[in-house]
PDB file of N, CA and C in Angstrom:
ATOM      1  N   MET A   1     106.705-138.197 -71.767  1.00  0.00           N
ATOM      2  CA  MET A   1     107.928-137.426 -71.645  1.00  0.00           C
ATOM      3  C   MET A   1     108.440-137.206 -73.079  1.00  0.00           C
ATOM      4  N   ALA A   2     108.823-136.000 -73.598  1.00  0.00           N
ATOM      5  CA  ALA A   2     109.297-135.922 -74.750  1.00  0.00           C
ATOM      6  C   ALA A   2     110.625-135.850 -74.842  1.00  0.00           C
ATOM      7  N   VAL A   3     111.111-136.660 -76.093  1.00  0.00           N
ATOM      8  CA  VAL A   3     112.416-136.799 -76.490  1.00  0.00           C
ATOM      9  C   VAL A   3     112.352-136.089 -77.763  1.00  0.00           C
ATOM     10  N   LYS A   4     113.740-135.746 -78.116  1.00  0.00           N
ATOM     11  CA  LYS A   4     114.162-134.887 -79.396  1.00  0.00           C
ATOM     12  C   LYS A   4     114.869-136.093 -80.427  1.00  0.00           C
ATOM     13  N   VAL A   5     114.030-136.340 -81.528  1.00  0.00           N
ATOM     14  CA  VAL A   5     114.767-137.193 -82.380  1.00  0.00           C
ATOM     15  C   VAL A   5     115.349-136.742 -83.544  1.00  0.00           C
ATOM     16  N   LEU A   6     116.539-137.103 -83.743  1.00  0.00           N
ATOM     17  CA  LEU A   6     117.545-136.414 -85.080  1.00  0.00           C
ATOM     18  C   LEU A   6     117.162-137.639 -86.112  1.00  0.00           C
ATOM     19  N   ILE A   7     116.461-137.049 -87.147  1.00  0.00           N
ATOM     20  CA  ILE A   7     116.058-137.911 -88.286  1.00  0.00           C
ATOM     21  C   ILE A   7     117.263-137.859 -89.398  1.00  0.00           C
ATOM     22  N   PRO A   8     117.625-138.867 -89.799  1.00  0.00           N
ATOM     23  CA  PRO A   8     118.746-138.850 -91.165  1.00  0.00           C
ATOM     24  C   PRO A   8     117.931-138.472 -92.322  1.00  0.00           C
ATOM     25  N   THR A   9     118.747-137.905 -92.989  1.00  0.00           N
ATOM     26  CA  THR A   9     118.129-137.302 -94.404  1.00  0.00           C
ATOM     27  C   THR A   9     117.325-138.370 -95.237  1.00  0.00           C
ATOM     28  N   PRO A  10     117.913-139.575 -95.680  1.00  0.00           N
ATOM     29  CA  PRO A  10     117.117-140.520 -96.174  1.00  0.00           C
ATOM     30  C   PRO A  10     115.699-140.988 -95.628  1.00  0.00           C
ATOM     31  N   LEU A  11     115.570-140.296 -94.244  1.00  0.00           N
ATOM     32  CA  LEU A  11     114.202-140.970 -93.846  1.00  0.00           C
ATOM     33  C   LEU A  11     113.251-139.730 -93.676  1.00  0.00           C
ATOM     34  N   GLN A  12     114.034-138.589 -94.014  1.00  0.00           N
ATOM     35  CA  GLN A  12     113.073-137.404 -93.832  1.00  0.00           C
ATOM     36  C   GLN A  12     111.870-137.298 -94.560  1.00  0.00           C
ATOM     37  N   LYS A  13     111.881-138.191 -95.836  1.00  0.00           N
ATOM     38  CA  LYS A  13     110.584-138.083 -96.510  1.00  0.00           C
ATOM     39  C   LYS A  13     109.204-138.753 -95.725  1.00  0.00           C
ATOM     40  N   PHE A  14     109.741-139.476 -94.494  1.00  0.00           N
ATOM     41  CA  PHE A  14     108.665-139.974 -93.784  1.00  0.00           C
ATOM     42  C   PHE A  14     108.202-138.711 -92.716  1.00  0.00           C
ATOM     43  N   THR A  15     108.977-137.796 -92.438  1.00  0.00           N
ATOM     44  CA  THR A  15     108.649-136.925 -91.455  1.00  0.00           C
ATOM     45  C   THR A  15     108.485-135.423 -91.811  1.00  0.00           C
ATOM     46  N   ASN A  16     107.994-135.369 -93.435  1.00  0.00           N
ATOM     47  CA  ASN A  16     107.735-134.210 -94.127  1.00  0.00           C
ATOM     48  C   ASN A  16     108.790-133.207 -94.214  1.00  0.00           C
ATOM     49  N   ASN A  17     110.007-133.993 -94.371  1.00  0.00           N
ATOM     50  CA  ASN A  17     111.458-133.298 -94.504  1.00  0.00           C
ATOM     51  C   ASN A  17     111.870-132.454 -93.235  1.00  0.00           C
ATOM     52  N   GLU A  18     111.346-133.090 -92.235  1.00  0.00           N
ATOM     53  CA  GLU A  18     111.686-132.570 -90.640  1.00  0.00           C
ATOM     54  C   GLU A  18     113.067-133.376 -90.301  1.00  0.00           C
ATOM     55  N   ALA A  19     113.989-132.567 -90.070  1.00  0.00           N
ATOM     56  CA  ALA A  19     115.487-133.125 -89.522  1.00  0.00           C
ATOM     57  C   ALA A  19     115.312-133.541 -88.117  1.00  0.00           C
ATOM     58  N   THR A  20     114.505-132.676 -87.145  1.00  0.00           N
ATOM     59  CA  THR A  20     114.182-133.074 -85.846  1.00  0.00           C
ATOM     60  C   THR A  20     112.571-133.209 -85.812  1.00  0.00           C
ATOM     61  N   VAL A  21     112.427-134.285 -84.851  1.00  0.00           N
ATOM     62  CA  VAL A  21     110.775-134.149 -84.294  1.00  0.00           C
ATOM     63  C   VAL A  21     111.063-134.541 -82.868  1.00  0.00           C
ATOM     64  N   GLU A  22     109.797-134.316 -82.149  1.00  0.00           N
ATOM     65  CA  GLU A  22     109.711-134.617 -80.546  1.00  0.00           C
ATOM     66  C   GLU A  22     108.518-135.864 -80.598  1.00  0.00           C
ATOM     67  N   CYS A  23     108.936-136.452 -79.882  1.00  0.00           N
ATOM     68  CA  CYS A  23     108.189-137.683 -79.504  1.00  0.00           C
ATOM     69  C   CYS A  23     108.152-137.888 -77.837  1.00  0.00           C
ATOM     70  N   ASP A  24     106.891-138.749 -77.702  1.00  0.00           N
ATOM     71  CA  ASP A  24     106.797-139.121 -76.091  1.00  0.00           C
ATOM     72  C   ASP A  24     106.758-140.684 -76.294  1.00  0.00           C
ATOM     73  N   ALA A  25     108.003-141.191 -75.532  1.00  0.00           N
ATOM     74  CA  ALA A  25     108.165-142.627 -75.517  1.00  0.00           C
ATOM     75  C   ALA A  25     109.072-142.582 -74.301  1.00  0.00           C
ATOM     76  N   GLY A  26     109.089-143.798 -73.528  1.00  0.00           N
ATOM     77  CA  GLY A  26     109.798-144.094 -72.286  1.00  0.00           C
ATOM     78  C   GLY A  26     111.030-145.055 -72.798  1.00  0.00           C
ATOM     79  N   SER A  27     111.078-145.421 -73.819  1.00  0.00           N
ATOM     80  CA  SER A  27     112.226-146.454 -74.398  1.00  0.00           C
ATOM     81  C   SER A  27     112.284-146.327 -75.739  1.00  0.00           C
ATOM     82  N   ILE A  28     113.528-147.087 -76.358  1.00  0.00           N
ATOM     83  CA  ILE A  28     113.792-146.909 -77.555  1.00  0.00           C
ATOM     84  C   ILE A  28     112.508-147.718 -78.753  1.00  0.00           C
ATOM     85  N   SER A  29     112.423-148.762 -77.837  1.00  0.00           N
ATOM     86  CA  SER A  29     111.119-149.873 -78.519  1.00  0.00           C
ATOM     87  C   SER A  29     109.907-148.723 -78.636  1.00  0.00           C
ATOM     88  N   GLY A  30     109.497-148.062 -77.313  1.00  0.00           N
ATOM     89  CA  GLY A  30     108.169-147.454 -77.396  1.00  0.00           C
ATOM     90  C   GLY A  30     108.260-146.277 -78.368  1.00  0.00           C
ATOM     91  N   LEU A  31     109.512-145.576 -78.659  1.00  0.00           N
ATOM     92  CA  LEU A  31     109.751-144.658 -79.423  1.00  0.00           C
ATOM     93  C   LEU A  31     109.539-145.240 -81.069  1.00  0.00           C
ATOM     94  N   MET A  32     109.726-146.362 -81.387  1.00  0.00           N
ATOM     95  CA  MET A  32     109.555-146.968 -82.580  1.00  0.00           C
ATOM     96  C   MET A  32     108.070-146.910 -82.960  1.00  0.00           C
ATOM     97  N   ASP A  33     107.330-147.205 -81.990  1.00  0.00           N
ATOM     98  CA  ASP A  33     105.853-147.322 -82.149  1.00  0.00           C
ATOM     99  C   ASP A  33     105.201-145.791 -82.289  1.00  0.00           C
ATOM    100  N   THR A  34     105.697-145.029 -81.669  1.00  0.00           N
ATOM    101  CA  THR A  34     105.191-143.780 -81.342  1.00  0.00           C
ATOM    102  C   THR A  34     105.851-142.750 -82.839  1.00  0.00           C
ATOM    103  N   LEU A  35     106.920-143.064 -83.551  1.00  0.00           N
ATOM    104  CA  LEU A  35     107.415-142.803 -84.829  1.00  0.00           C
ATOM    105  C   LEU A  35     106.454-143.052 -85.897  1.00  0.00           C
ATOM    106  N   ASP A  36     106.167-144.354 -85.579  1.00  0.00           N
ATOM    107  CA  ASP A  36     105.523-145.014 -86.746  1.00  0.00           C
ATOM    108  C   ASP A  36     103.662-144.494 -86.894  1.00  0.00           C
ATOM    109  N   THR A  37     103.308-144.124 -85.697  1.00  0.00           N
ATOM    110  CA  THR A  37     102.176-143.797 -85.594  1.00  0.00           C
ATOM    111  C   THR A  37     101.796-142.281 -85.848  1.00  0.00           C
ATOM    112  N   GLN A  38     103.057-141.258 -85.577  1.00  0.00           N
ATOM    113  CA  GLN A  38     103.237-139.986 -86.243  1.00  0.00           C
ATOM    114  C   GLN A  38     103.510-139.985 -87.659  1.00  0.00           C
ATOM    115  N   PHE A  39     104.446-141.060 -88.185  1.00  0.00           N
ATOM    116  CA  PHE A  39     104.901-140.875 -89.304  1.00  0.00           C
ATOM    117  C   PHE A  39     105.066-142.341 -90.274  1.00  0.00           C
ATOM    118  N   PRO A  40     103.752-142.900 -90.266  1.00  0.00           N
ATOM    119  CA  PRO A  40     103.489-144.158 -90.975  1.00  0.00           C
ATOM    120  C   PRO A  40     104.583-144.612 -91.850  1.00  0.00           C
ATOM    121  N   GLY A  41     105.087-145.949 -91.779  1.00  0.00           N
ATOM    122  CA  GLY A  41     106.218-146.168 -92.799  1.00  0.00           C
ATOM    123  C   GLY A  41     107.468-146.359 -92.166  1.00  0.00           C
ATOM    124  N   ILE A  42     107.949-145.419 -91.170  1.00  0.00           N
ATOM    125  CA  ILE A  42     109.214-145.068 -90.734  1.00  0.00           C
ATOM    126  C   ILE A  42     109.624-146.270 -90.060  1.00  0.00           C
ATOM    127  N   LYS A  43     108.875-147.108 -89.229  1.00  0.00           N
ATOM    128  CA  LYS A  43     109.158-148.109 -88.464  1.00  0.00           C
ATOM    129  C   LYS A  43     109.797-149.329 -89.509  1.00  0.00           C
ATOM    130  N   ALA A  44     109.217-149.644 -90.389  1.00  0.00           N
ATOM    131  CA  ALA A  44     109.490-150.671 -91.187  1.00  0.00           C
ATOM    132  C   ALA A  44     111.161-150.435 -91.829  1.00  0.00           C
ATOM    133  N   ARG A  45     111.651-149.079 -91.801  1.00  0.00           N
ATOM    134  CA  ARG A  45     112.795-148.602 -92.210  1.00  0.00           C
ATOM    135  C   ARG A  45     113.811-149.044 -91.108  1.00  0.00           C
ATOM    136  N   LEU A  46     113.254-148.904 -90.000  1.00  0.00           N
ATOM    137  CA  LEU A  46     114.216-149.213 -88.636  1.00  0.00           C
ATOM    138  C   LEU A  46     114.121-150.255 -88.066  1.00  0.00           C
ATOM    139  N   CYS A  47     113.046-151.111 -88.113  1.00  0.00           N
ATOM    140  CA  CYS A  47     113.057-152.418 -87.579  1.00  0.00           C
ATOM    141  C   CYS A  47     112.718-153.586 -88.592  1.00  0.00           C
ATOM    142  N   ASP A  48     112.926-154.894 -88.169  1.00  0.00           N
ATOM    143  CA  ASP A  48     112.854-155.831 -89.289  1.00  0.00           C
ATOM    144  C   ASP A  48     111.446-156.296 -88.859  1.00  0.00           C
ATOM    145  N   ASP A  49     110.821-157.572 -89.501  1.00  0.00           N
ATOM    146  CA  ASP A  49     109.602-157.986 -89.251  1.00  0.00           C
ATOM    147  C   ASP A  49     109.367-158.429 -88.132  1.00  0.00           C
ATOM    148  N   GLN A  50     110.313-158.702 -87.277  1.00  0.00           N
ATOM    149  CA  GLN A  50     110.007-159.080 -85.760  1.00  0.00           C
ATOM    150  C   GLN A  50     110.012-158.052 -84.904  1.00  0.00           C
ATOM    151  N   GLY A  51     110.276-157.002 -85.490  1.00  0.00           N
ATOM    152  CA  GLY A  51     110.335-155.927 -84.527  1.00  0.00           C
ATOM    153  C   GLY A  51     111.808-155.329 -83.740  1.00  0.00           C
ATOM    154  N   GLU A  52     112.656-156.265 -84.412  1.00  0.00           N
ATOM    155  CA  GLU A  52     114.011-156.184 -83.981  1.00  0.00           C
ATOM    156  C   GLU A  52     114.620-154.664 -84.686  1.00  0.00           C
ATOM    157  N   LEU A  53     115.550-154.023 -84.061  1.00  0.00           N
ATOM    158  CA  LEU A  53     116.302-153.006 -84.655  1.00  0.00           C
ATOM    159  C   LEU A  53     117.200-153.345 -85.875  1.00  0.00           C
ATOM    160  N   ARG A  54     117.166-152.887 -86.835  1.00  0.00           N
ATOM    161  CA  ARG A  54     118.087-153.292 -88.087  1.00  0.00           C
ATOM    162  C   ARG A  54     119.431-153.021 -87.521  1.00  0.00           C
ATOM    163  N   ARG A  55     120.321-154.151 -88.091  1.00  0.00           N
ATOM    164  CA  ARG A  55     121.682-153.971 -87.590  1.00  0.00           C
ATOM    165  C   ARG A  55     122.386-152.849 -88.264  1.00  0.00           C
ATOM    166  N   PHE A  56     121.908-152.316 -89.269  1.00  0.00           N
ATOM    167  CA  PHE A  56     122.738-151.211 -90.112  1.00  0.00           C
ATOM    168  C   PHE A  56     122.331-149.996 -89.892  1.00  0.00           C
ATOM    169  N   VAL A  57     121.380-149.881 -88.833  1.00  0.00           N
ATOM    170  CA  VAL A  57     120.801-148.503 -88.379  1.00  0.00           C
ATOM    171  C   VAL A  57     121.364-148.383 -86.677  1.00  0.00           C
ATOM    172  N   ASN A  58     122.105-147.452 -86.500  1.00  0.00           N
ATOM    173  CA  ASN A  58     122.831-147.002 -85.164  1.00  0.00           C
ATOM    174  C   ASN A  58     121.791-146.086 -84.547  1.00  0.00           C
ATOM    175  N   PHE A  59     121.584-146.121 -83.233  1.00  0.00           N
ATOM    176  CA  PHE A  59     120.546-145.303 -82.573  1.00  0.00           C
ATOM    177  C   PHE A  59     121.452-145.041 -81.163  1.00  0.00           C
ATOM    178  N   TYR A  60     121.571-143.621 -80.689  1.00  0.00           N
ATOM    179  CA  TYR A  60     122.314-143.058 -79.761  1.00  0.00           C
ATOM    180  C   TYR A  60     121.113-142.363 -79.077  1.00  0.00           C
ATOM    181  N   VAL A  61     121.546-142.440 -77.585  1.00  0.00           N
ATOM    182  CA  VAL A  61     120.691-141.521 -76.438  1.00  0.00           C
ATOM    183  C   VAL A  61     121.820-140.496 -75.917  1.00  0.00           C
ATOM    184  N   ASN A  62     121.663-139.446 -76.120  1.00  0.00           N
ATOM    185  CA  ASN A  62     122.555-138.523 -75.365  1.00  0.00           C
ATOM    186  C   ASN A  62     124.123-138.986 -75.975  1.00  0.00           C
ATOM    187  N   SER A  63     124.110-139.209 -77.192  1.00  0.00           N
ATOM    188  CA  SER A  63     125.466-139.497 -77.638  1.00  0.00           C
ATOM    189  C   SER A  63     126.303-140.990 -77.207  1.00  0.00           C
ATOM    190  N   GLU A  64     125.199-141.800 -76.588  1.00  0.00           N
ATOM    191  CA  GLU A  64     125.665-143.040 -75.797  1.00  0.00           C
ATOM    192  C   GLU A  64     124.999-144.106 -76.826  1.00  0.00           C
ATOM    193  N   ASP A  65     125.799-144.717 -77.466  1.00  0.00           N
ATOM    194  CA  ASP A  65     125.486-145.931 -78.500  1.00  0.00           C
ATOM    195  C   ASP A  65     124.388-146.945 -77.698  1.00  0.00           C
ATOM    196  N   ILE A  66     123.236-147.120 -78.153  1.00  0.00           N
ATOM    197  CA  ILE A  66     122.187-148.002 -77.234  1.00  0.00           C
ATOM    198  C   ILE A  66     122.982-149.403 -77.269  1.00  0.00           C
ATOM    199  N   ARG A  67     123.795-149.978 -78.129  1.00  0.00           N
ATOM    200  CA  ARG A  67     124.213-151.412 -77.990  1.00  0.00           C
ATOM    201  C   ARG A  67     125.078-151.446 -76.440  1.00  0.00           C
ATOM    202  N   PHE A  68     125.684-150.337 -76.204  1.00  0.00           N
ATOM    203  CA  PHE A  68     126.277-150.454 -74.938  1.00  0.00           C
ATOM    204  C   PHE A  68     125.266-150.148 -73.907  1.00  0.00           C
ATOM    205  N   LEU A  69     124.106-149.887 -73.812  1.00  0.00           N
ATOM    206  CA  LEU A  69     123.215-149.495 -72.806  1.00  0.00           C
ATOM    207  C   LEU A  69     122.370-150.814 -72.859  1.00  0.00           C
ATOM    208  N   GLU A  70     121.103-150.594 -73.172  1.00  0.00           N
ATOM    209  CA  GLU A  70     119.871-151.756 -72.849  1.00  0.00           C
ATOM    210  C   GLU A  70     119.431-152.018 -74.361  1.00  0.00           C
ATOM    211  N   GLY A  71     120.054-151.668 -75.401  1.00  0.00           N
ATOM    212  CA  GLY A  71     119.320-152.018 -76.835  1.00  0.00           C
ATOM    213  C   GLY A  71     117.987-151.182 -76.808  1.00  0.00           C
ATOM    214  N   LYS A  72     117.277-151.829 -77.586  1.00  0.00           N
ATOM    215  CA  LYS A  72     115.903-151.323 -77.772  1.00  0.00           C
ATOM    216  C   LYS A  72     115.044-151.030 -76.435  1.00  0.00           C
ATOM    217  N   ASP A  73     115.696-151.565 -75.388  1.00  0.00           N
ATOM    218  CA  ASP A  73     114.909-151.271 -74.086  1.00  0.00           C
ATOM    219  C   ASP A  73     115.621-150.195 -73.439  1.00  0.00           C
ATOM    220  N   THR A  74     116.589-149.571 -74.051  1.00  0.00           N
ATOM    221  CA  THR A  74     117.170-148.324 -73.211  1.00  0.00           C
ATOM    222  C   THR A  74     116.063-147.309 -72.724  1.00  0.00           C
ATOM    223  N   ALA A  75     116.015-147.146 -71.681  1.00  0.00           N
ATOM    224  CA  ALA A  75     114.897-145.914 -71.270  1.00  0.00           C
ATOM    225  C   ALA A  75     115.216-144.501 -71.527  1.00  0.00           C
ATOM    226  N   LEU A  76     114.187-143.883 -71.763  1.00  0.00           N
ATOM    227  CA  LEU A  76     114.481-142.402 -72.354  1.00  0.00           C
ATOM    228  C   LEU A  76     113.747-141.668 -71.186  1.00  0.00           C
ATOM    229  N   ASN A  77     114.281-140.405 -70.938  1.00  0.00           N
ATOM    230  CA  ASN A  77     113.973-139.677 -70.078  1.00  0.00           C
ATOM    231  C   ASN A  77     113.643-138.224 -70.872  1.00  0.00           C
ATOM    232  N   GLU A  78     112.698-137.364 -70.221  1.00  0.00           N
ATOM    233  CA  GLU A  78     112.251-136.072 -70.562  1.00  0.00           C
ATOM    234  C   GLU A  78     113.698-135.250 -71.181  1.00  0.00           C
ATOM    235  N   GLY A  79     113.740-134.839 -72.411  1.00  0.00           N
ATOM    236  CA  GLY A  79     114.528-133.861 -72.805  1.00  0.00           C
ATOM    237  C   GLY A  79     115.992-134.714 -73.449  1.00  0.00           C
ATOM    238  N   ASP A  80     115.899-136.120 -73.360  1.00  0.00           N
ATOM    239  CA  ASP A  80     116.865-137.062 -74.044  1.00  0.00           C
ATOM    240  C   ASP A  80     116.817-136.614 -75.562  1.00  0.00           C
ATOM    241  N   GLU A  81     118.135-136.956 -76.278  1.00  0.00           N
ATOM    242  CA  GLU A  81     118.023-136.785 -77.643  1.00  0.00           C
ATOM    243  C   GLU A  81     118.560-137.955 -78.178  1.00  0.00           C
ATOM    244  N   VAL A  82     117.733-138.568 -79.289  1.00  0.00           N
ATOM    245  CA  VAL A  82     117.969-139.438 -79.957  1.00  0.00           C
ATOM    246  C   VAL A  82     118.568-139.624 -81.282  1.00  0.00           C
ATOM    247  N   SER A  83     119.418-140.063 -81.597  1.00  0.00           N
ATOM    248  CA  SER A  83     120.215-139.853 -83.003  1.00  0.00           C
ATOM    249  C   SER A  83     120.114-141.123 -83.670  1.00  0.00           C
ATOM    250  N   ILE A  84     119.391-141.051 -84.803  1.00  0.00           N
ATOM    251  CA  ILE A  84     119.356-142.368 -85.724  1.00  0.00           C
ATOM    252  C   ILE A  84     120.249-142.200 -86.804  1.00  0.00           C
ATOM    253  N   VAL A  85     121.137-143.151 -86.973  1.00  0.00           N
ATOM    254  CA  VAL A  85     122.475-143.127 -87.690  1.00  0.00           C
ATOM    255  C   VAL A  85     122.367-144.114 -88.581  1.00  0.00           C
ATOM    256  N   PRO A  86     122.286-144.220 -90.083  1.00  0.00           N
ATOM    257  CA  PRO A  86     122.456-145.239 -90.974  1.00  0.00           C
ATOM    258  C   PRO A  86     123.996-145.454 -91.191  1.00  0.00           C
ATOM    259  N   ALA A  87     124.197-146.953 -90.981  1.00  0.00           N
ATOM    260  CA  ALA A  87     125.554-147.263 -91.516  1.00  0.00           C
ATOM    261  C   ALA A  87     125.964-146.798 -92.676  1.00  0.00           C
ATOM    262  N   VAL A  88     127.019-146.617 -92.942  1.00  0.00           N
ATOM    263  CA  VAL A  88     127.639-146.329 -94.432  1.00  0.00           C
ATOM    264  C   VAL A  88     128.760-146.996 -94.666  1.00  0.00           C
ATOM    265  N   ALA A  89     128.611-147.606 -95.794  1.00  0.00           N
ATOM    266  CA  ALA A  89     129.719-148.592 -96.408  1.00  0.00           C
ATOM    267  C   ALA A  89     129.870-148.134 -97.710  1.00  0.00           C
ATOM    268  N   GLY A  90     131.516-148.711 -98.070  1.00  0.00           N
ATOM    269  CA  GLY A  90     131.517-148.544 -99.398  1.00  0.00           C
ATOM    270  C   GLY A  90     133.030-148.250 -99.766  1.00  0.00           C
ATOM    271  N   GLY A  91     133.117-148.120-100.979  1.00  0.00           N
ATOM    272  CA  GLY A  91     134.814-147.993-101.009  1.00  0.00           C
ATOM    273  C   GLY A  91     135.226-147.147-102.091  1.00  0.00           C
TER     274      GLY A  91
END
């Protein structure tokens, strides 16, 4: 099932400068694997060595923060939109 993934500017170097890509995945966890198959190296920026999502990267499915859903096990459906948003800090 195809989902639309919004790629933040710092990660677009992995997606051939594409801001939006489509992937087939049934969950956020599966999406990480699919993204890495299509765009090698991107998963290392989104997940740690244990495969857990990095704390400083936020994921939203249809504008809902996955931390309040099922985390990396959040189900994805045909036509969903996944936003990847790096945390911003500074002063």
